[in-house]
Protein backbone atom coordinates (compact mmCIF):
# COMPACT_ATOMS: atom_id res chain seq x y z
CA MET A 1 13.35 -31.82 -3.35
CA VAL A 2 10.02 -30.22 -4.23
CA ASN A 3 8.01 -32.14 -6.82
CA ASN A 4 7.89 -29.74 -9.79
CA GLU A 5 4.85 -31.38 -11.41
CA ILE A 6 2.80 -31.18 -8.21
CA MET A 7 3.92 -27.60 -7.59
CA ASP A 8 3.02 -26.57 -11.16
CA LYS A 9 -0.49 -28.00 -10.75
CA LYS A 10 -0.96 -26.11 -7.49
CA ILE A 11 0.25 -22.87 -9.06
CA LYS A 12 -2.07 -23.27 -12.04
CA LYS A 13 -5.01 -23.90 -9.75
CA GLU A 14 -4.18 -20.98 -7.45
CA CYS A 15 -3.57 -18.53 -10.31
CA PHE A 16 -6.53 -19.28 -12.55
CA GLU A 17 -9.21 -21.15 -10.64
CA GLU A 18 -12.71 -19.72 -11.01
CA HIS A 19 -15.03 -19.79 -8.00
CA HIS A 20 -18.81 -19.70 -8.44
CA LEU A 21 -20.71 -18.90 -5.26
CA ASP A 22 -24.32 -17.63 -5.24
CA GLY A 23 -23.94 -16.24 -8.73
CA TYR A 24 -20.72 -14.41 -7.88
CA GLU A 25 -17.71 -15.26 -10.00
CA LYS A 26 -14.23 -14.71 -8.65
CA LEU A 27 -11.17 -15.22 -10.81
CA ASP A 28 -7.78 -15.09 -9.09
CA LEU A 29 -5.18 -13.60 -11.41
CA TYR A 30 -1.51 -13.82 -10.57
CA ASN A 31 1.59 -14.06 -12.70
CA PRO A 32 2.19 -17.83 -12.85
CA THR A 33 5.87 -17.51 -13.73
CA THR A 34 6.50 -15.25 -10.75
CA ILE A 35 4.45 -17.49 -8.46
CA LYS A 36 6.39 -20.56 -9.57
CA LYS A 37 9.76 -18.94 -8.88
CA LEU A 38 8.69 -17.53 -5.53
CA SER A 39 7.12 -20.83 -4.47
CA HIS A 40 10.35 -22.74 -4.97
CA HIS A 41 12.23 -20.21 -2.85
CA TYR A 42 9.65 -20.32 -0.06
CA TYR A 43 9.80 -24.12 -0.11
CA GLU A 44 13.54 -23.89 0.55
CA ILE A 45 13.04 -21.22 3.22
CA LEU A 46 10.71 -23.52 5.12
CA LYS A 47 13.41 -26.17 5.14
CA LEU A 48 16.07 -23.67 6.22
CA ILE A 49 14.09 -22.60 9.30
CA GLY A 50 13.77 -26.23 10.38
CA GLU A 51 10.30 -27.05 9.05
CA ASN A 52 9.12 -29.90 6.85
CA PRO A 53 7.43 -28.30 3.82
CA ASP A 54 6.04 -31.70 2.80
CA ARG A 55 3.90 -32.16 5.89
CA GLU A 56 0.15 -31.74 5.47
CA GLY A 57 -0.18 -28.29 7.02
CA LEU A 58 2.55 -26.81 4.82
CA LEU A 59 1.90 -28.52 1.49
CA ASP A 60 0.26 -25.43 -0.06
CA THR A 61 2.11 -22.83 1.99
CA PRO A 62 4.83 -21.96 -0.59
CA VAL A 63 2.20 -21.12 -3.21
CA ARG A 64 0.02 -19.24 -0.74
CA VAL A 65 2.94 -17.14 0.50
CA ALA A 66 4.02 -16.48 -3.08
CA LYS A 67 0.54 -15.20 -3.90
CA ALA A 68 0.48 -13.13 -0.71
CA ILE A 69 3.80 -11.41 -1.41
CA GLN A 70 2.75 -10.69 -4.99
CA PHE A 71 -0.46 -9.09 -3.72
CA LEU A 72 1.29 -7.14 -0.96
CA THR A 73 3.69 -5.62 -3.50
CA HIS A 74 1.27 -5.03 -6.37
CA GLY A 75 1.97 -1.29 -6.20
CA TYR A 76 4.94 -1.80 -8.50
CA ASP A 77 2.56 -2.64 -11.33
CA ALA A 78 0.51 0.58 -11.17
CA ASN A 79 1.20 4.12 -12.36
CA PRO A 80 -0.13 6.61 -9.77
CA GLU A 81 0.17 9.64 -12.06
CA GLN A 82 -1.83 7.88 -14.76
CA ILE A 83 -4.55 7.01 -12.26
CA LEU A 84 -4.84 10.62 -11.11
CA ARG A 85 -5.00 11.92 -14.67
CA SER A 86 -7.84 9.51 -15.45
CA ALA A 87 -10.16 11.44 -13.12
CA MET A 88 -9.17 15.12 -13.33
CA PHE A 89 -11.94 17.68 -13.73
CA GLN A 90 -11.84 21.42 -14.30
CA GLU A 91 -13.31 23.23 -11.31
CA GLU A 92 -12.82 26.67 -9.79
CA TYR A 93 -13.02 25.41 -6.21
CA ARG A 94 -10.00 26.81 -4.35
CA GLN A 95 -10.52 25.65 -0.78
CA MET A 96 -8.86 22.81 1.04
CA VAL A 97 -9.83 19.24 0.08
CA ILE A 98 -8.97 16.59 2.67
CA VAL A 99 -9.28 12.82 2.57
CA LYS A 100 -8.27 11.50 5.98
CA ASP A 101 -8.02 8.18 7.79
CA ILE A 102 -6.93 6.30 4.66
CA GLU A 103 -5.76 2.86 5.75
CA ILE A 104 -2.11 2.01 5.12
CA TYR A 105 -0.89 -1.57 4.85
CA SER A 106 2.74 -1.62 3.82
CA MET A 107 5.96 -3.56 4.37
CA CYS A 108 9.18 -2.21 5.81
CA GLU A 109 11.94 -2.63 3.24
CA HIS A 110 14.54 -3.35 5.93
CA HIS A 111 12.90 -6.47 7.41
CA MET A 112 9.90 -7.11 5.11
CA ILE A 113 7.62 -6.92 8.14
CA PRO A 114 4.33 -4.96 7.94
CA PHE A 115 3.64 -1.47 9.14
CA ILE A 116 0.03 -0.43 9.46
CA GLY A 117 -1.60 2.95 9.95
CA LYS A 118 -3.43 5.85 8.34
CA ALA A 119 -2.72 8.62 5.87
CA HIS A 120 -4.31 12.06 5.79
CA VAL A 121 -4.05 13.86 2.44
CA ALA A 122 -5.01 17.43 1.53
CA TYR A 123 -4.64 19.69 -1.47
CA ILE A 124 -5.84 23.14 -2.51
CA PRO A 125 -7.02 23.00 -6.16
CA ASN A 126 -5.66 25.32 -8.80
CA GLY A 127 -8.15 24.86 -11.63
CA TYR A 128 -8.45 21.06 -11.35
CA ILE A 129 -9.88 18.66 -8.83
CA VAL A 130 -9.47 14.88 -8.81
CA GLY A 131 -12.00 12.15 -8.08
CA LEU A 132 -11.87 11.54 -4.34
CA SER A 133 -11.42 7.78 -4.68
CA LYS A 134 -8.17 8.32 -6.58
CA ILE A 135 -6.43 9.75 -3.52
CA PRO A 136 -6.75 6.54 -1.43
CA ARG A 137 -5.77 4.63 -4.55
CA ILE A 138 -2.43 6.41 -4.93
CA VAL A 139 -1.80 5.98 -1.21
CA ASP A 140 -2.35 2.26 -1.70
CA ILE A 141 -0.06 2.12 -4.74
CA PHE A 142 2.87 3.54 -2.80
CA ALA A 143 2.03 1.52 0.33
CA ARG A 144 1.94 -1.75 -1.63
CA ARG A 145 5.67 -1.65 -2.23
CA LEU A 146 8.64 -2.28 0.01
CA GLN A 147 8.80 1.06 1.78
CA VAL A 148 10.05 3.36 4.47
CA GLN A 149 7.33 5.59 5.86
CA GLU A 150 9.30 8.77 5.28
CA ARG A 151 9.72 8.16 1.54
CA MET A 152 6.16 6.95 1.09
CA THR A 153 4.80 10.16 2.62
CA GLN A 154 6.93 12.29 0.29
CA GLU A 155 6.01 10.22 -2.78
CA ILE A 156 2.28 10.69 -2.18
CA ALA A 157 2.68 14.45 -1.81
CA GLU A 158 4.97 14.86 -4.82
CA THR A 159 2.71 12.81 -7.08
CA LEU A 160 -0.32 14.96 -6.28
CA ASN A 161 1.74 18.09 -6.74
CA ASN A 162 3.21 16.98 -10.08
CA VAL A 163 -0.11 15.96 -11.62
CA LEU A 164 -2.58 18.53 -10.27
CA ASN A 165 -0.23 21.51 -9.95
CA PRO A 166 -2.28 22.63 -6.95
CA ILE A 167 -1.81 25.66 -4.72
CA GLY A 168 -0.56 23.31 -2.03
CA VAL A 169 -0.37 19.68 -0.86
CA ALA A 170 -0.09 18.21 2.62
CA VAL A 171 0.28 14.58 3.69
CA VAL A 172 0.55 13.12 7.19
CA CYS A 173 1.08 9.40 7.81
CA GLU A 174 0.83 7.63 11.16
CA ALA A 175 1.80 3.98 11.52
CA ARG A 176 2.72 1.20 13.89
CA HIS A 177 5.75 -0.76 12.70
CA MET A 178 5.81 -4.47 13.42
CA CYS A 179 9.60 -4.46 13.08
CA MET A 180 9.65 -2.37 16.28
CA MET A 181 6.86 -4.28 17.99
CA MET A 182 7.62 -7.93 17.18
CA ARG A 183 11.43 -7.82 17.17
CA GLY A 184 14.27 -5.46 18.00
CA VAL A 185 13.30 -2.97 20.70
CA GLU A 186 9.82 -4.57 21.06
CA LYS A 187 8.04 -1.30 21.86
CA GLN A 188 4.34 -2.07 21.62
CA ASN A 189 2.83 1.42 21.81
CA SER A 190 5.11 3.48 19.59
CA ILE A 191 3.63 5.30 16.60
CA ALA A 192 5.68 6.90 13.83
CA THR A 193 4.33 10.14 12.34
CA THR A 194 5.68 11.66 9.12
CA SER A 195 4.59 14.70 7.11
CA ALA A 196 5.22 16.32 3.76
CA VAL A 197 3.99 19.84 2.97
CA ILE A 198 4.31 21.64 -0.36
CA GLY A 199 3.29 25.08 -1.60
CA GLU A 200 0.78 26.98 0.53
CA PHE A 201 0.92 24.39 3.29
CA HIS A 202 4.67 24.96 3.54
CA ASN A 203 4.63 28.73 3.13
CA ASP A 204 1.61 29.72 5.22
CA PRO A 205 1.60 28.61 8.91
CA GLU A 206 -2.14 29.32 9.23
CA THR A 207 -3.03 27.05 6.31
CA ARG A 208 -0.78 24.33 7.68
CA GLN A 209 -2.34 24.66 11.14
CA GLU A 210 -5.85 24.50 9.67
CA PHE A 211 -4.94 21.20 8.04
CA PHE A 212 -3.53 19.76 11.27
CA ASP A 213 -6.61 20.90 13.21
CA LEU A 214 -9.00 19.37 10.68
CA ILE A 215 -7.34 15.96 10.61
CA LYS A 216 -7.50 15.85 14.43
CA ASN A 217 -11.22 16.61 14.54
CA ARG A 218 -13.75 13.80 14.30
CA LEU A 219 -17.02 14.85 12.62
CA PHE A 220 -18.51 11.34 12.37
């Protein structure tokens, strides 16, 4: 059995310890109740797979994995529409705005194994623009949940469309799925591509093609 007192001390240290290095202060903040519950489960998982969770190399592993899974799924705690609304500005610009090559780090909901790739997001403003940093942030919010790539792509597009009411929205996601590479069919070079197009990007083939051409080009 795991020693509850020892585990509680480790959780408290991991959740709240302050680190002072060269004048830089880092404070790790995690939900201690969630970490405690997850840690106990991961302790049992280690035993179930044939490991000894009390050996030196694994003593802190349950807490570390609990922290990792809480971080990897922190998208549940954020409101993407609220984040977009916090940085909306009136502007009469009505040309395409693209933020491309946004890193995606997500977890497949079927096996809880990572998929990693990039998102390319475009919209055509209709009276409002949004701070450019907010677009990668909403991508990250949806990625940091248990996901399927198809739904994630649609969620990003629909959120932008609902908040900004733009002339059009387009999203393309490309990712390598570890559940296909590490297990199952074990195909190492496969890439999944998904798209969601709304408004002008859906209705006008020339606008859609312009978007696809621009995300393929490399200017830097």
